[in-house]
Amino acid sequence: MDIMQNGNDFWFIDMATASESALKECIPKGKLRKMEENRIPEISLSNNRR
């Protein structure tokens, strides 16, 4: 996660995984691993309803 400061404001500007990052070529060979992403959350409703 990258954060940019502009005056007193802070902004999230990048939330990519390291393997998809814009600066991935700066990571030493052998250190970068592809990470599987699951962008669909699992929501359990079994105990949340009354």
N, C-alpha and C. Protein backbone atom coordinates (compact mmCIF):
# COMPACT_ATOMS: atom_id res chain seq x y z
N MET A 1 0.85 -1.15 0.00
CA MET A 1 0.00 0.00 0.00
C MET A 1 0.91 1.23 0.00
N ASP A 2 0.63 2.15 -0.89
CA ASP A 2 1.39 3.40 -0.97
C ASP A 2 0.49 4.54 -0.53
N ILE A 3 1.06 5.44 0.25
CA ILE A 3 0.32 6.59 0.75
C ILE A 3 1.06 7.86 0.32
N MET A 4 0.32 8.83 -0.20
CA MET A 4 0.88 10.10 -0.62
C MET A 4 0.37 11.19 0.33
N GLN A 5 1.26 12.10 0.72
CA GLN A 5 0.85 13.24 1.54
C GLN A 5 0.84 14.49 0.67
N ASN A 6 -0.25 15.25 0.78
CA ASN A 6 -0.39 16.53 0.09
C ASN A 6 -0.84 17.53 1.14
N GLY A 7 0.10 18.32 1.67
CA GLY A 7 -0.21 19.22 2.78
C GLY A 7 -0.55 18.41 4.01
N ASN A 8 -1.74 18.62 4.57
CA ASN A 8 -2.18 17.84 5.73
C ASN A 8 -3.05 16.65 5.34
N ASP A 9 -3.25 16.45 4.04
CA ASP A 9 -4.09 15.35 3.55
C ASP A 9 -3.23 14.15 3.18
N PHE A 10 -3.76 12.96 3.43
CA PHE A 10 -3.10 11.71 3.06
C PHE A 10 -4.02 10.94 2.13
N TRP A 11 -3.44 10.34 1.08
CA TRP A 11 -4.22 9.63 0.06
C TRP A 11 -3.63 8.25 -0.18
N PHE A 12 -4.48 7.22 -0.26
CA PHE A 12 -4.04 5.91 -0.72
C PHE A 12 -3.91 6.01 -2.23
N ILE A 13 -2.74 5.70 -2.76
CA ILE A 13 -2.56 5.85 -4.21
C ILE A 13 -2.26 4.53 -4.91
N ASP A 14 -1.96 3.47 -4.19
CA ASP A 14 -1.67 2.20 -4.84
C ASP A 14 -1.91 1.08 -3.84
N MET A 15 -2.74 0.15 -4.21
CA MET A 15 -3.01 -0.99 -3.32
C MET A 15 -2.78 -2.30 -4.07
N ALA A 16 -1.81 -2.31 -4.98
CA ALA A 16 -1.47 -3.51 -5.74
C ALA A 16 -0.60 -4.44 -4.90
N THR A 17 -0.64 -5.72 -5.22
CA THR A 17 0.29 -6.65 -4.59
C THR A 17 1.69 -6.36 -5.14
N ALA A 18 2.72 -6.79 -4.42
CA ALA A 18 4.09 -6.51 -4.85
C ALA A 18 4.38 -7.05 -6.25
N SER A 19 3.82 -8.21 -6.58
CA SER A 19 4.09 -8.79 -7.90
C SER A 19 3.45 -7.99 -9.04
N GLU A 20 2.50 -7.13 -8.72
CA GLU A 20 1.84 -6.30 -9.73
C GLU A 20 2.19 -4.82 -9.57
N SER A 21 3.09 -4.51 -8.66
CA SER A 21 3.45 -3.13 -8.36
C SER A 21 4.18 -2.46 -9.52
N ALA A 22 4.05 -1.14 -9.60
CA ALA A 22 4.73 -0.38 -10.65
C ALA A 22 6.25 -0.45 -10.50
N LEU A 23 6.76 -0.68 -9.31
CA LEU A 23 8.21 -0.71 -9.08
C LEU A 23 8.72 -2.12 -8.81
N LYS A 24 8.04 -3.14 -9.35
CA LYS A 24 8.42 -4.52 -9.07
C LYS A 24 9.82 -4.85 -9.57
N GLU A 25 10.33 -4.11 -10.56
CA GLU A 25 11.68 -4.38 -11.06
C GLU A 25 12.75 -3.96 -10.04
N CYS A 26 12.38 -3.23 -9.00
CA CYS A 26 13.32 -2.81 -7.95
C CYS A 26 13.50 -3.89 -6.88
N ILE A 27 12.68 -4.92 -6.90
CA ILE A 27 12.76 -5.99 -5.91
C ILE A 27 13.78 -7.01 -6.40
N PRO A 28 14.76 -7.41 -5.56
CA PRO A 28 15.80 -8.35 -5.98
C PRO A 28 15.21 -9.67 -6.50
N LYS A 29 15.85 -10.24 -7.53
CA LYS A 29 15.42 -11.53 -8.08
C LYS A 29 15.37 -12.57 -6.97
N GLY A 30 14.37 -13.42 -6.99
CA GLY A 30 14.21 -14.47 -6.00
C GLY A 30 13.39 -14.04 -4.79
N LYS A 31 13.17 -12.75 -4.61
CA LYS A 31 12.40 -12.25 -3.46
C LYS A 31 10.92 -12.07 -3.80
N LEU A 32 10.62 -11.88 -5.07
CA LEU A 32 9.25 -11.59 -5.50
C LEU A 32 8.52 -12.89 -5.85
N ARG A 33 7.36 -13.09 -5.21
CA ARG A 33 6.54 -14.27 -5.49
C ARG A 33 5.18 -13.81 -5.96
N LYS A 34 4.62 -14.55 -6.89
CA LYS A 34 3.26 -14.28 -7.35
C LYS A 34 2.30 -14.64 -6.24
N MET A 35 1.35 -13.76 -5.94
CA MET A 35 0.40 -13.99 -4.86
C MET A 35 -0.99 -14.16 -5.43
N GLU A 36 -1.67 -15.21 -5.03
CA GLU A 36 -3.03 -15.43 -5.48
C GLU A 36 -3.96 -14.47 -4.75
N GLU A 37 -4.85 -13.85 -5.48
CA GLU A 37 -5.79 -12.91 -4.89
C GLU A 37 -7.21 -13.47 -4.97
N ASN A 38 -7.95 -13.28 -3.91
CA ASN A 38 -9.37 -13.61 -3.90
C ASN A 38 -10.10 -12.31 -3.60
N ARG A 39 -10.63 -11.68 -4.64
CA ARG A 39 -11.28 -10.38 -4.48
C ARG A 39 -12.75 -10.49 -4.11
N ILE A 40 -13.26 -11.72 -4.00
CA ILE A 40 -14.66 -11.89 -3.63
C ILE A 40 -14.70 -12.37 -2.18
N PRO A 41 -15.16 -11.53 -1.26
CA PRO A 41 -15.17 -11.93 0.16
C PRO A 41 -16.18 -13.03 0.43
N GLU A 42 -15.86 -13.86 1.41
CA GLU A 42 -16.79 -14.88 1.86
C GLU A 42 -17.50 -14.35 3.09
N ILE A 43 -18.81 -14.29 3.04
CA ILE A 43 -19.60 -13.75 4.13
C ILE A 43 -20.46 -14.86 4.71
N SER A 44 -20.29 -15.09 5.99
CA SER A 44 -21.08 -16.11 6.67
C SER A 44 -22.28 -15.43 7.32
N LEU A 45 -23.47 -15.91 6.99
CA LEU A 45 -24.69 -15.34 7.57
C LEU A 45 -25.29 -16.25 8.65
N SER A 46 -24.66 -17.36 8.94
CA SER A 46 -25.25 -18.35 9.83
C SER A 46 -25.53 -17.84 11.24
N ASN A 47 -24.67 -17.06 11.84
CA ASN A 47 -24.86 -16.58 13.21
C ASN A 47 -25.20 -15.10 13.30
N ASN A 48 -25.34 -14.44 12.17
CA ASN A 48 -25.56 -12.99 12.18
C ASN A 48 -27.04 -12.60 12.17
N ARG A 49 -27.92 -13.52 11.88
CA ARG A 49 -29.36 -13.19 11.84
C ARG A 49 -30.05 -13.71 13.07
N ARG A 50 -31.05 -12.94 13.53
CA ARG A 50 -31.81 -13.36 14.71
C ARG A 50 -33.26 -13.25 14.44
